[in-house]
Amino acid sequence: MRYRILEDAEKDLDEIFLYWAERTSLAIADRVIEGIVERFRLLGEFPLAGRSSEDIAPGVKCFPAGDYLIYYRRARRYTDILHIFHGAREQPQAFKKARKSRR
């Protein structure tokens, strides 16, 4: 099974990259993003690996990637990567806020 990075998740990755690039270096920002994207490949192969996050949205699962949490949903032919948030955030609120702000 493969994965697809949806638009909201792309925006999340851009924000994460900019955060680290501005505060540290481009090399560190690249490593953070690479660590997250590495997990996408794993989730594409093993979409049942994460824990259920039904409290956030139906069919959504969550999987850690360092200090971040990847939210995804299994689709027919793909694992759809929905969002990536820092683990220190209030997750349900972050998910809802991101959905509202990007409409």
PDB file of N, CA and C in Angstrom:
ATOM      1  N   MET A   1       0.850  -1.179   0.000  1.00  0.00           N
ATOM      2  CA  MET A   1       0.000   0.000   0.000  1.00  0.00           C
ATOM      3  C   MET A   1       0.893   1.239   0.000  1.00  0.00           C
ATOM      4  N   ARG A   2       0.436   2.266  -0.660  1.00  0.00           N
ATOM      5  CA  ARG A   2       1.192   3.513  -0.753  1.00  0.00           C
ATOM      6  C   ARG A   2       0.539   4.574   0.116  1.00  0.00           C
ATOM      7  N   TYR A   3       1.158   5.730   0.144  1.00  0.00           N
ATOM      8  CA  TYR A   3       0.601   6.833   0.915  1.00  0.00           C
ATOM      9  C   TYR A   3       0.458   8.070   0.042  1.00  0.00           C
ATOM     10  N   ARG A   4      -0.449   8.940   0.464  1.00  0.00           N
ATOM     11  CA  ARG A   4      -0.637  10.243  -0.180  1.00  0.00           C
ATOM     12  C   ARG A   4      -0.572  11.300   0.912  1.00  0.00           C
ATOM     13  N   ILE A   5       0.166  12.361   0.639  1.00  0.00           N
ATOM     14  CA  ILE A   5       0.237  13.481   1.577  1.00  0.00           C
ATOM     15  C   ILE A   5      -0.800  14.496   1.123  1.00  0.00           C
ATOM     16  N   LEU A   6      -1.842  14.665   1.922  1.00  0.00           N
ATOM     17  CA  LEU A   6      -2.896  15.599   1.566  1.00  0.00           C
ATOM     18  C   LEU A   6      -2.441  17.042   1.802  1.00  0.00           C
ATOM     19  N   GLU A   7      -3.165  17.973   1.223  1.00  0.00           N
ATOM     20  CA  GLU A   7      -2.769  19.385   1.239  1.00  0.00           C
ATOM     21  C   GLU A   7      -2.531  19.921   2.651  1.00  0.00           C
ATOM     22  N   ASP A   8      -3.404  19.600   3.587  1.00  0.00           N
ATOM     23  CA  ASP A   8      -3.227  20.069   4.965  1.00  0.00           C
ATOM     24  C   ASP A   8      -1.918  19.554   5.560  1.00  0.00           C
ATOM     25  N   ALA A   9      -1.594  18.316   5.292  1.00  0.00           N
ATOM     26  CA  ALA A   9      -0.351  17.740   5.801  1.00  0.00           C
ATOM     27  C   ALA A   9       0.861  18.398   5.147  1.00  0.00           C
ATOM     28  N   GLU A  10       0.761  18.712   3.862  1.00  0.00           N
ATOM     29  CA  GLU A  10       1.843  19.444   3.170  1.00  0.00           C
ATOM     30  C   GLU A  10       2.091  20.783   3.853  1.00  0.00           C
ATOM     31  N   LYS A  11       1.012  21.472   4.188  1.00  0.00           N
ATOM     32  CA  LYS A  11       1.137  22.762   4.881  1.00  0.00           C
ATOM     33  C   LYS A  11       1.758  22.580   6.251  1.00  0.00           C
ATOM     34  N   ASP A  12       1.360  21.518   6.942  1.00  0.00           N
ATOM     35  CA  ASP A  12       1.958  21.234   8.248  1.00  0.00           C
ATOM     36  C   ASP A  12       3.464  21.015   8.116  1.00  0.00           C
ATOM     37  N   LEU A  13       3.869  20.240   7.120  1.00  0.00           N
ATOM     38  CA  LEU A  13       5.298  19.988   6.896  1.00  0.00           C
ATOM     39  C   LEU A  13       6.047  21.279   6.585  1.00  0.00           C
ATOM     40  N   ASP A  14       5.445  22.142   5.778  1.00  0.00           N
ATOM     41  CA  ASP A  14       6.070  23.432   5.472  1.00  0.00           C
ATOM     42  C   ASP A  14       6.268  24.256   6.740  1.00  0.00           C
ATOM     43  N   GLU A  15       5.251  24.282   7.591  1.00  0.00           N
ATOM     44  CA  GLU A  15       5.342  25.040   8.844  1.00  0.00           C
ATOM     45  C   GLU A  15       6.410  24.466   9.764  1.00  0.00           C
ATOM     46  N   ILE A  16       6.485  23.148   9.851  1.00  0.00           N
ATOM     47  CA  ILE A  16       7.499  22.494  10.679  1.00  0.00           C
ATOM     48  C   ILE A  16       8.893  22.817  10.142  1.00  0.00           C
ATOM     49  N   PHE A  17       9.059  22.724   8.838  1.00  0.00           N
ATOM     50  CA  PHE A  17      10.356  23.020   8.227  1.00  0.00           C
ATOM     51  C   PHE A  17      10.771  24.464   8.525  1.00  0.00           C
ATOM     52  N   LEU A  18       9.862  25.401   8.307  1.00  0.00           N
ATOM     53  CA  LEU A  18      10.181  26.808   8.554  1.00  0.00           C
ATOM     54  C   LEU A  18      10.524  27.069  10.014  1.00  0.00           C
ATOM     55  N   TYR A  19       9.787  26.448  10.899  1.00  0.00           N
ATOM     56  CA  TYR A  19      10.056  26.609  12.330  1.00  0.00           C
ATOM     57  C   TYR A  19      11.510  26.235  12.644  1.00  0.00           C
ATOM     58  N   TRP A  20      11.922  25.043  12.202  1.00  0.00           N
ATOM     59  CA  TRP A  20      13.279  24.578  12.502  1.00  0.00           C
ATOM     60  C   TRP A  20      14.344  25.326  11.716  1.00  0.00           C
ATOM     61  N   ALA A  21      14.053  25.676  10.487  1.00  0.00           N
ATOM     62  CA  ALA A  21      15.031  26.411   9.670  1.00  0.00           C
ATOM     63  C   ALA A  21      15.320  27.784  10.266  1.00  0.00           C
ATOM     64  N   GLU A  22      14.293  28.458  10.770  1.00  0.00           N
ATOM     65  CA  GLU A  22      14.466  29.790  11.346  1.00  0.00           C
ATOM     66  C   GLU A  22      15.176  29.745  12.689  1.00  0.00           C
ATOM     67  N   ARG A  23      14.986  28.696  13.449  1.00  0.00           N
ATOM     68  CA  ARG A  23      15.537  28.624  14.803  1.00  0.00           C
ATOM     69  C   ARG A  23      16.865  27.891  14.889  1.00  0.00           C
ATOM     70  N   THR A  24      17.127  27.017  13.922  1.00  0.00           N
ATOM     71  CA  THR A  24      18.372  26.241  13.975  1.00  0.00           C
ATOM     72  C   THR A  24      19.122  26.364  12.653  1.00  0.00           C
ATOM     73  N   SER A  25      18.890  25.427  11.760  1.00  0.00           N
ATOM     74  CA  SER A  25      19.552  25.455  10.457  1.00  0.00           C
ATOM     75  C   SER A  25      18.723  24.676   9.437  1.00  0.00           C
ATOM     76  N   LEU A  26      19.058  24.874   8.172  1.00  0.00           N
ATOM     77  CA  LEU A  26      18.370  24.130   7.109  1.00  0.00           C
ATOM     78  C   LEU A  26      18.638  22.631   7.231  1.00  0.00           C
ATOM     79  N   ALA A  27      19.855  22.286   7.643  1.00  0.00           N
ATOM     80  CA  ALA A  27      20.203  20.866   7.774  1.00  0.00           C
ATOM     81  C   ALA A  27      19.345  20.189   8.838  1.00  0.00           C
ATOM     82  N   ILE A  28      19.155  20.851   9.953  1.00  0.00           N
ATOM     83  CA  ILE A  28      18.323  20.271  11.017  1.00  0.00           C
ATOM     84  C   ILE A  28      16.873  20.204  10.564  1.00  0.00           C
ATOM     85  N   ALA A  29      16.391  21.260   9.920  1.00  0.00           N
ATOM     86  CA  ALA A  29      15.015  21.259   9.403  1.00  0.00           C
ATOM     87  C   ALA A  29      14.820  20.092   8.436  1.00  0.00           C
ATOM     88  N   ASP A  30      15.791  19.855   7.574  1.00  0.00           N
ATOM     89  CA  ASP A  30      15.719  18.728   6.641  1.00  0.00           C
ATOM     90  C   ASP A  30      15.644  17.399   7.383  1.00  0.00           C
ATOM     91  N   ARG A  31      16.463  17.246   8.424  1.00  0.00           N
ATOM     92  CA  ARG A  31      16.468  15.982   9.174  1.00  0.00           C
ATOM     93  C   ARG A  31      15.135  15.737   9.879  1.00  0.00           C
ATOM     94  N   VAL A  32      14.548  16.799  10.426  1.00  0.00           N
ATOM     95  CA  VAL A  32      13.249  16.652  11.093  1.00  0.00           C
ATOM     96  C   VAL A  32      12.204  16.180  10.087  1.00  0.00           C
ATOM     97  N   ILE A  33      12.165  16.833   8.924  1.00  0.00           N
ATOM     98  CA  ILE A  33      11.188  16.458   7.890  1.00  0.00           C
ATOM     99  C   ILE A  33      11.447  15.044   7.387  1.00  0.00           C
ATOM    100  N   GLU A  34      12.707  14.690   7.166  1.00  0.00           N
ATOM    101  CA  GLU A  34      13.038  13.340   6.700  1.00  0.00           C
ATOM    102  C   GLU A  34      12.567  12.275   7.696  1.00  0.00           C
ATOM    103  N   GLY A  35      12.719  12.555   8.991  1.00  0.00           N
ATOM    104  CA  GLY A  35      12.275  11.615  10.017  1.00  0.00           C
ATOM    105  C   GLY A  35      10.775  11.406   9.991  1.00  0.00           C
ATOM    106  N   ILE A  36      10.053  12.481   9.720  1.00  0.00           N
ATOM    107  CA  ILE A  36       8.592  12.375   9.639  1.00  0.00           C
ATOM    108  C   ILE A  36       8.184  11.611   8.385  1.00  0.00           C
ATOM    109  N   VAL A  37       8.757  11.982   7.250  1.00  0.00           N
ATOM    110  CA  VAL A  37       8.397  11.356   5.972  1.00  0.00           C
ATOM    111  C   VAL A  37       8.763   9.871   5.964  1.00  0.00           C
ATOM    112  N   GLU A  38       9.824   9.520   6.672  1.00  0.00           N
ATOM    113  CA  GLU A  38      10.195   8.115   6.797  1.00  0.00           C
ATOM    114  C   GLU A  38       9.039   7.297   7.384  1.00  0.00           C
ATOM    115  N   ARG A  39       8.337   7.885   8.332  1.00  0.00           N
ATOM    116  CA  ARG A  39       7.185   7.218   8.945  1.00  0.00           C
ATOM    117  C   ARG A  39       6.035   7.071   7.952  1.00  0.00           C
ATOM    118  N   PHE A  40       5.901   7.997   7.013  1.00  0.00           N
ATOM    119  CA  PHE A  40       4.847   7.891   6.000  1.00  0.00           C
ATOM    120  C   PHE A  40       5.000   6.583   5.235  1.00  0.00           C
ATOM    121  N   ARG A  41       6.228   6.257   4.893  1.00  0.00           N
ATOM    122  CA  ARG A  41       6.487   5.016   4.154  1.00  0.00           C
ATOM    123  C   ARG A  41       6.048   3.803   4.973  1.00  0.00           C
ATOM    124  N   LEU A  42       6.372   3.830   6.252  1.00  0.00           N
ATOM    125  CA  LEU A  42       5.965   2.752   7.152  1.00  0.00           C
ATOM    126  C   LEU A  42       4.438   2.649   7.211  1.00  0.00           C
ATOM    127  N   LEU A  43       3.761   3.777   7.336  1.00  0.00           N
ATOM    128  CA  LEU A  43       2.299   3.780   7.415  1.00  0.00           C
ATOM    129  C   LEU A  43       1.657   3.352   6.103  1.00  0.00           C
ATOM    130  N   GLY A  44       2.320   3.639   4.990  1.00  0.00           N
ATOM    131  CA  GLY A  44       1.840   3.155   3.706  1.00  0.00           C
ATOM    132  C   GLY A  44       1.852   1.644   3.640  1.00  0.00           C
ATOM    133  N   GLU A  45       2.868   1.033   4.230  1.00  0.00           N
ATOM    134  CA  GLU A  45       2.985  -0.428   4.238  1.00  0.00           C
ATOM    135  C   GLU A  45       2.147  -1.082   5.332  1.00  0.00           C
ATOM    136  N   PHE A  46       2.054  -0.408   6.483  1.00  0.00           N
ATOM    137  CA  PHE A  46       1.363  -0.981   7.648  1.00  0.00           C
ATOM    138  C   PHE A  46       0.361   0.034   8.208  1.00  0.00           C
ATOM    139  N   PRO A  47      -0.739   0.253   7.511  1.00  0.00           N
ATOM    140  CA  PRO A  47      -1.685   1.300   7.920  1.00  0.00           C
ATOM    141  C   PRO A  47      -2.400   1.037   9.254  1.00  0.00           C
ATOM    142  N   LEU A  48      -2.307  -0.170   9.773  1.00  0.00           N
ATOM    143  CA  LEU A  48      -2.943  -0.472  11.053  1.00  0.00           C
ATOM    144  C   LEU A  48      -1.984  -0.260  12.228  1.00  0.00           C
ATOM    145  N   ALA A  49      -0.794   0.253  11.959  1.00  0.00           N
ATOM    146  CA  ALA A  49       0.246   0.378  12.975  1.00  0.00           C
ATOM    147  C   ALA A  49      -0.086   1.386  14.072  1.00  0.00           C
ATOM    148  N   GLY A  50      -0.798   2.425  13.761  1.00  0.00           N
ATOM    149  CA  GLY A  50      -1.056   3.487  14.735  1.00  0.00           C
ATOM    150  C   GLY A  50      -2.186   3.169  15.689  1.00  0.00           C
ATOM    151  N   ARG A  51      -2.417   4.115  16.579  1.00  0.00           N
ATOM    152  CA  ARG A  51      -3.530   3.962  17.525  1.00  0.00           C
ATOM    153  C   ARG A  51      -4.741   4.721  17.009  1.00  0.00           C
ATOM    154  N   SER A  52      -5.884   4.247  17.368  1.00  0.00           N
ATOM    155  CA  SER A  52      -7.128   4.873  16.941  1.00  0.00           C
ATOM    156  C   SER A  52      -7.248   6.273  17.531  1.00  0.00           C
ATOM    157  N   SER A  53      -7.726   7.194  16.721  1.00  0.00           N
ATOM    158  CA  SER A  53      -7.993   8.568  17.159  1.00  0.00           C
ATOM    159  C   SER A  53      -9.415   8.942  16.771  1.00  0.00           C
ATOM    160  N   GLU A  54     -10.328   8.041  17.049  1.00  0.00           N
ATOM    161  CA  GLU A  54     -11.742   8.257  16.731  1.00  0.00           C
ATOM    162  C   GLU A  54     -12.297   9.496  17.428  1.00  0.00           C
ATOM    163  N   ASP A  55     -11.675   9.912  18.541  1.00  0.00           N
ATOM    164  CA  ASP A  55     -12.119  11.113  19.246  1.00  0.00           C
ATOM    165  C   ASP A  55     -11.853  12.373  18.427  1.00  0.00           C
ATOM    166  N   ILE A  56     -10.947  12.266  17.468  1.00  0.00           N
ATOM    167  CA  ILE A  56     -10.607  13.409  16.608  1.00  0.00           C
ATOM    168  C   ILE A  56     -11.473  13.420  15.356  1.00  0.00           C
ATOM    169  N   ALA A  57     -11.572  12.266  14.706  1.00  0.00           N
ATOM    170  CA  ALA A  57     -12.406  12.132  13.510  1.00  0.00           C
ATOM    171  C   ALA A  57     -12.571  10.645  13.202  1.00  0.00           C
ATOM    172  N   PRO A  58     -13.684  10.273  12.586  1.00  0.00           N
ATOM    173  CA  PRO A  58     -13.911   8.862  12.263  1.00  0.00           C
ATOM    174  C   PRO A  58     -12.821   8.289  11.350  1.00  0.00           C
ATOM    175  N   GLY A  59     -12.348   7.113  11.705  1.00  0.00           N
ATOM    176  CA  GLY A  59     -11.374   6.406  10.890  1.00  0.00           C
ATOM    177  C   GLY A  59      -9.953   6.922  10.978  1.00  0.00           C
ATOM    178  N   VAL A  60      -9.706   7.929  11.803  1.00  0.00           N
ATOM    179  CA  VAL A  60      -8.368   8.521  11.901  1.00  0.00           C
ATOM    180  C   VAL A  60      -7.524   7.742  12.893  1.00  0.00           C
ATOM    181  N   LYS A  61      -6.262   7.548  12.524  1.00  0.00           N
ATOM    182  CA  LYS A  61      -5.289   6.909  13.397  1.00  0.00           C
ATOM    183  C   LYS A  61      -4.123   7.873  13.597  1.00  0.00           C
ATOM    184  N   CYS A  62      -3.315   7.595  14.602  1.00  0.00           N
ATOM    185  CA  CYS A  62      -2.202   8.463  14.960  1.00  0.00           C
ATOM    186  C   CYS A  62      -0.947   7.613  15.134  1.00  0.00           C
ATOM    187  N   PHE A  63       0.198   8.160  14.710  1.00  0.00           N
ATOM    188  CA  PHE A  63       1.464   7.443  14.836  1.00  0.00           C
ATOM    189  C   PHE A  63       2.553   8.456  15.158  1.00  0.00           C
ATOM    190  N   PRO A  64       3.442   8.143  16.110  1.00  0.00           N
ATOM    191  CA  PRO A  64       4.490   9.099  16.477  1.00  0.00           C
ATOM    192  C   PRO A  64       5.639   9.139  15.473  1.00  0.00           C
ATOM    193  N   ALA A  65       6.235  10.326  15.383  1.00  0.00           N
ATOM    194  CA  ALA A  65       7.452  10.534  14.583  1.00  0.00           C
ATOM    195  C   ALA A  65       8.294  11.534  15.358  1.00  0.00           C
ATOM    196  N   GLY A  66       9.141  11.050  16.235  1.00  0.00           N
ATOM    197  CA  GLY A  66       9.910  11.943  17.093  1.00  0.00           C
ATOM    198  C   GLY A  66       8.967  12.702  18.015  1.00  0.00           C
ATOM    199  N   ASP A  67       9.084  14.026  18.021  1.00  0.00           N
ATOM    200  CA  ASP A  67       8.224  14.870  18.856  1.00  0.00           C
ATOM    201  C   ASP A  67       6.882  15.164  18.206  1.00  0.00           C
ATOM    202  N   TYR A  68       6.644  14.610  17.043  1.00  0.00           N
ATOM    203  CA  TYR A  68       5.425  14.909  16.277  1.00  0.00           C
ATOM    204  C   TYR A  68       4.506  13.702  16.226  1.00  0.00           C
ATOM    205  N   LEU A  69       3.236  13.997  15.960  1.00  0.00           N
ATOM    206  CA  LEU A  69       2.234  12.951  15.774  1.00  0.00           C
ATOM    207  C   LEU A  69       1.650  13.088  14.375  1.00  0.00           C
ATOM    208  N   ILE A  70       1.620  11.982  13.662  1.00  0.00           N
ATOM    209  CA  ILE A  70       1.082  11.939  12.310  1.00  0.00           C
ATOM    210  C   ILE A  70      -0.343  11.409  12.395  1.00  0.00           C
ATOM    211  N   TYR A  71      -1.265  12.142  11.806  1.00  0.00           N
ATOM    212  CA  TYR A  71      -2.659  11.706  11.732  1.00  0.00           C
ATOM    213  C   TYR A  71      -2.927  11.248  10.308  1.00  0.00           C
ATOM    214  N   TYR A  72      -3.525  10.085  10.196  1.00  0.00           N
ATOM    215  CA  TYR A  72      -3.748   9.497   8.872  1.00  0.00           C
ATOM    216  C   TYR A  72      -5.016   8.661   8.875  1.00  0.00           C
ATOM    217  N   ARG A  73      -5.430   8.326   7.678  1.00  0.00           N
ATOM    218  CA  ARG A  73      -6.634   7.504   7.496  1.00  0.00           C
ATOM    219  C   ARG A  73      -6.346   6.512   6.373  1.00  0.00           C
ATOM    220  N   ARG A  74      -6.744   5.311   6.586  1.00  0.00           N
ATOM    221  CA  ARG A  74      -6.585   4.286   5.551  1.00  0.00           C
ATOM    222  C   ARG A  74      -7.676   4.480   4.508  1.00  0.00           C
ATOM    223  N   ALA A  75      -7.275   4.577   3.265  1.00  0.00           N
ATOM    224  CA  ALA A  75      -8.214   4.673   2.149  1.00  0.00           C
ATOM    225  C   ALA A  75      -8.116   3.368   1.357  1.00  0.00           C
ATOM    226  N   ARG A  76      -8.847   3.274   0.274  1.00  0.00           N
ATOM    227  CA  ARG A  76      -8.847   2.023  -0.506  1.00  0.00           C
ATOM    228  C   ARG A  76      -7.458   1.602  -0.956  1.00  0.00           C
ATOM    229  N   ARG A  77      -6.798   2.496  -1.663  1.00  0.00           N
ATOM    230  CA  ARG A  77      -5.513   2.133  -2.253  1.00  0.00           C
ATOM    231  C   ARG A  77      -4.334   2.840  -1.599  1.00  0.00           C
ATOM    232  N   TYR A  78      -4.627   3.757  -0.692  1.00  0.00           N
ATOM    233  CA  TYR A  78      -3.580   4.581  -0.102  1.00  0.00           C
ATOM    234  C   TYR A  78      -3.793   4.746   1.394  1.00  0.00           C
ATOM    235  N   THR A  79      -2.750   5.167   2.038  1.00  0.00           N
ATOM    236  CA  THR A  79      -2.853   5.711   3.380  1.00  0.00           C
ATOM    237  C   THR A  79      -2.786   7.217   3.187  1.00  0.00           C
ATOM    238  N   ASP A  80      -3.843   7.920   3.567  1.00  0.00           N
ATOM    239  CA  ASP A  80      -3.892   9.372   3.426  1.00  0.00           C
ATOM    240  C   ASP A  80      -3.314  10.031   4.666  1.00  0.00           C
ATOM    241  N   ILE A  81      -2.248  10.797   4.482  1.00  0.00           N
ATOM    242  CA  ILE A  81      -1.637  11.544   5.575  1.00  0.00           C
ATOM    243  C   ILE A  81      -2.416  12.841   5.701  1.00  0.00           C
ATOM    244  N   LEU A  82      -3.059  13.042   6.853  1.00  0.00           N
ATOM    245  CA  LEU A  82      -3.970  14.165   7.046  1.00  0.00           C
ATOM    246  C   LEU A  82      -3.298  15.377   7.682  1.00  0.00           C
ATOM    247  N   HIS A  83      -2.581  15.159   8.785  1.00  0.00           N
ATOM    248  CA  HIS A  83      -1.961  16.244   9.541  1.00  0.00           C
ATOM    249  C   HIS A  83      -0.745  15.749  10.291  1.00  0.00           C
ATOM    250  N   ILE A  84       0.124  16.690  10.658  1.00  0.00           N
ATOM    251  CA  ILE A  84       1.258  16.421  11.527  1.00  0.00           C
ATOM    252  C   ILE A  84       1.307  17.554  12.545  1.00  0.00           C
ATOM    253  N   PHE A  85       1.231  17.205  13.833  1.00  0.00           N
ATOM    254  CA  PHE A  85       1.273  18.206  14.898  1.00  0.00           C
ATOM    255  C   PHE A  85       2.342  17.840  15.916  1.00  0.00           C
ATOM    256  N   HIS A  86       2.897  18.862  16.564  1.00  0.00           N
ATOM    257  CA  HIS A  86       3.838  18.621  17.653  1.00  0.00           C
ATOM    258  C   HIS A  86       3.081  17.928  18.781  1.00  0.00           C
ATOM    259  N   GLY A  87       3.710  16.969  19.413  1.00  0.00           N
ATOM    260  CA  GLY A  87       3.070  16.181  20.456  1.00  0.00           C
ATOM    261  C   GLY A  87       2.664  16.968  21.688  1.00  0.00           C
ATOM    262  N   ALA A  88       3.254  18.147  21.912  1.00  0.00           N
ATOM    263  CA  ALA A  88       2.921  18.951  23.087  1.00  0.00           C
ATOM    264  C   ALA A  88       1.603  19.712  22.922  1.00  0.00           C
ATOM    265  N   ARG A  89       1.109  19.778  21.710  1.00  0.00           N
ATOM    266  CA  ARG A  89      -0.152  20.500  21.466  1.00  0.00           C
ATOM    267  C   ARG A  89      -1.342  19.684  21.961  1.00  0.00           C
ATOM    268  N   GLU A  90      -2.412  20.373  22.253  1.00  0.00           N
ATOM    269  CA  GLU A  90      -3.682  19.725  22.576  1.00  0.00           C
ATOM    270  C   GLU A  90      -4.210  19.179  21.249  1.00  0.00           C
ATOM    271  N   GLN A  91      -4.108  17.888  21.041  1.00  0.00           N
ATOM    272  CA  GLN A  91      -4.333  17.293  19.726  1.00  0.00           C
ATOM    273  C   GLN A  91      -5.737  17.506  19.148  1.00  0.00           C
ATOM    274  N   PRO A  92      -6.808  17.213  19.872  1.00  0.00           N
ATOM    275  CA  PRO A  92      -8.135  17.432  19.272  1.00  0.00           C
ATOM    276  C   PRO A  92      -8.361  18.887  18.868  1.00  0.00           C
ATOM    277  N   GLN A  93      -7.900  19.814  19.700  1.00  0.00           N
ATOM    278  CA  GLN A  93      -8.061  21.231  19.380  1.00  0.00           C
ATOM    279  C   GLN A  93      -7.225  21.612  18.168  1.00  0.00           C
ATOM    280  N   ALA A  94      -6.004  21.112  18.086  1.00  0.00           N
ATOM    281  CA  ALA A  94      -5.130  21.416  16.947  1.00  0.00           C
ATOM    282  C   ALA A  94      -5.754  20.912  15.645  1.00  0.00           C
ATOM    283  N   PHE A  95      -6.313  19.711  15.689  1.00  0.00           N
ATOM    284  CA  PHE A  95      -6.929  19.122  14.508  1.00  0.00           C
ATOM    285  C   PHE A  95      -8.122  19.956  14.051  1.00  0.00           C
ATOM    286  N   LYS A  96      -8.982  20.311  14.986  1.00  0.00           N
ATOM    287  CA  LYS A  96     -10.165  21.110  14.645  1.00  0.00           C
ATOM    288  C   LYS A  96      -9.783  22.502  14.161  1.00  0.00           C
ATOM    289  N   LYS A  97      -8.830  23.130  14.826  1.00  0.00           N
ATOM    290  CA  LYS A  97      -8.391  24.475  14.442  1.00  0.00           C
ATOM    291  C   LYS A  97      -7.790  24.471  13.035  1.00  0.00           C
ATOM    292  N   ALA A  98      -6.973  23.466  12.738  1.00  0.00           N
ATOM    293  CA  ALA A  98      -6.366  23.371  11.407  1.00  0.00           C
ATOM    294  C   ALA A  98      -7.428  23.177  10.334  1.00  0.00           C
ATOM    295  N   ARG A  99      -8.417  22.368  10.611  1.00  0.00           N
ATOM    296  CA  ARG A  99      -9.487  22.119   9.652  1.00  0.00           C
ATOM    297  C   ARG A  99     -10.262  23.393   9.361  1.00  0.00           C
ATOM    298  N   LYS A 100     -10.567  24.161  10.410  1.00  0.00           N
ATOM    299  CA  LYS A 100     -11.344  25.397  10.232  1.00  0.00           C
ATOM    300  C   LYS A 100     -10.545  26.473   9.511  1.00  0.00           C
ATOM    301  N   SER A 101      -9.274  26.630   9.862  1.00  0.00           N
ATOM    302  CA  SER A 101      -8.471  27.708   9.291  1.00  0.00           C
ATOM    303  C   SER A 101      -8.096  27.482   7.828  1.00  0.00           C
ATOM    304  N   ARG A 102      -8.170  26.250   7.374  1.00  0.00           N
ATOM    305  CA  ARG A 102      -7.746  25.941   6.007  1.00  0.00           C
ATOM    306  C   ARG A 102      -8.914  25.721   5.061  1.00  0.00           C
ATOM    307  N   ARG A 103     -10.072  26.097   5.476  1.00  0.00           N
ATOM    308  CA  ARG A 103     -11.257  25.952   4.593  1.00  0.00           C
ATOM    309  C   ARG A 103     -11.405  27.153   3.725  1.00  0.00           C
TER     310      ARG A 103
END
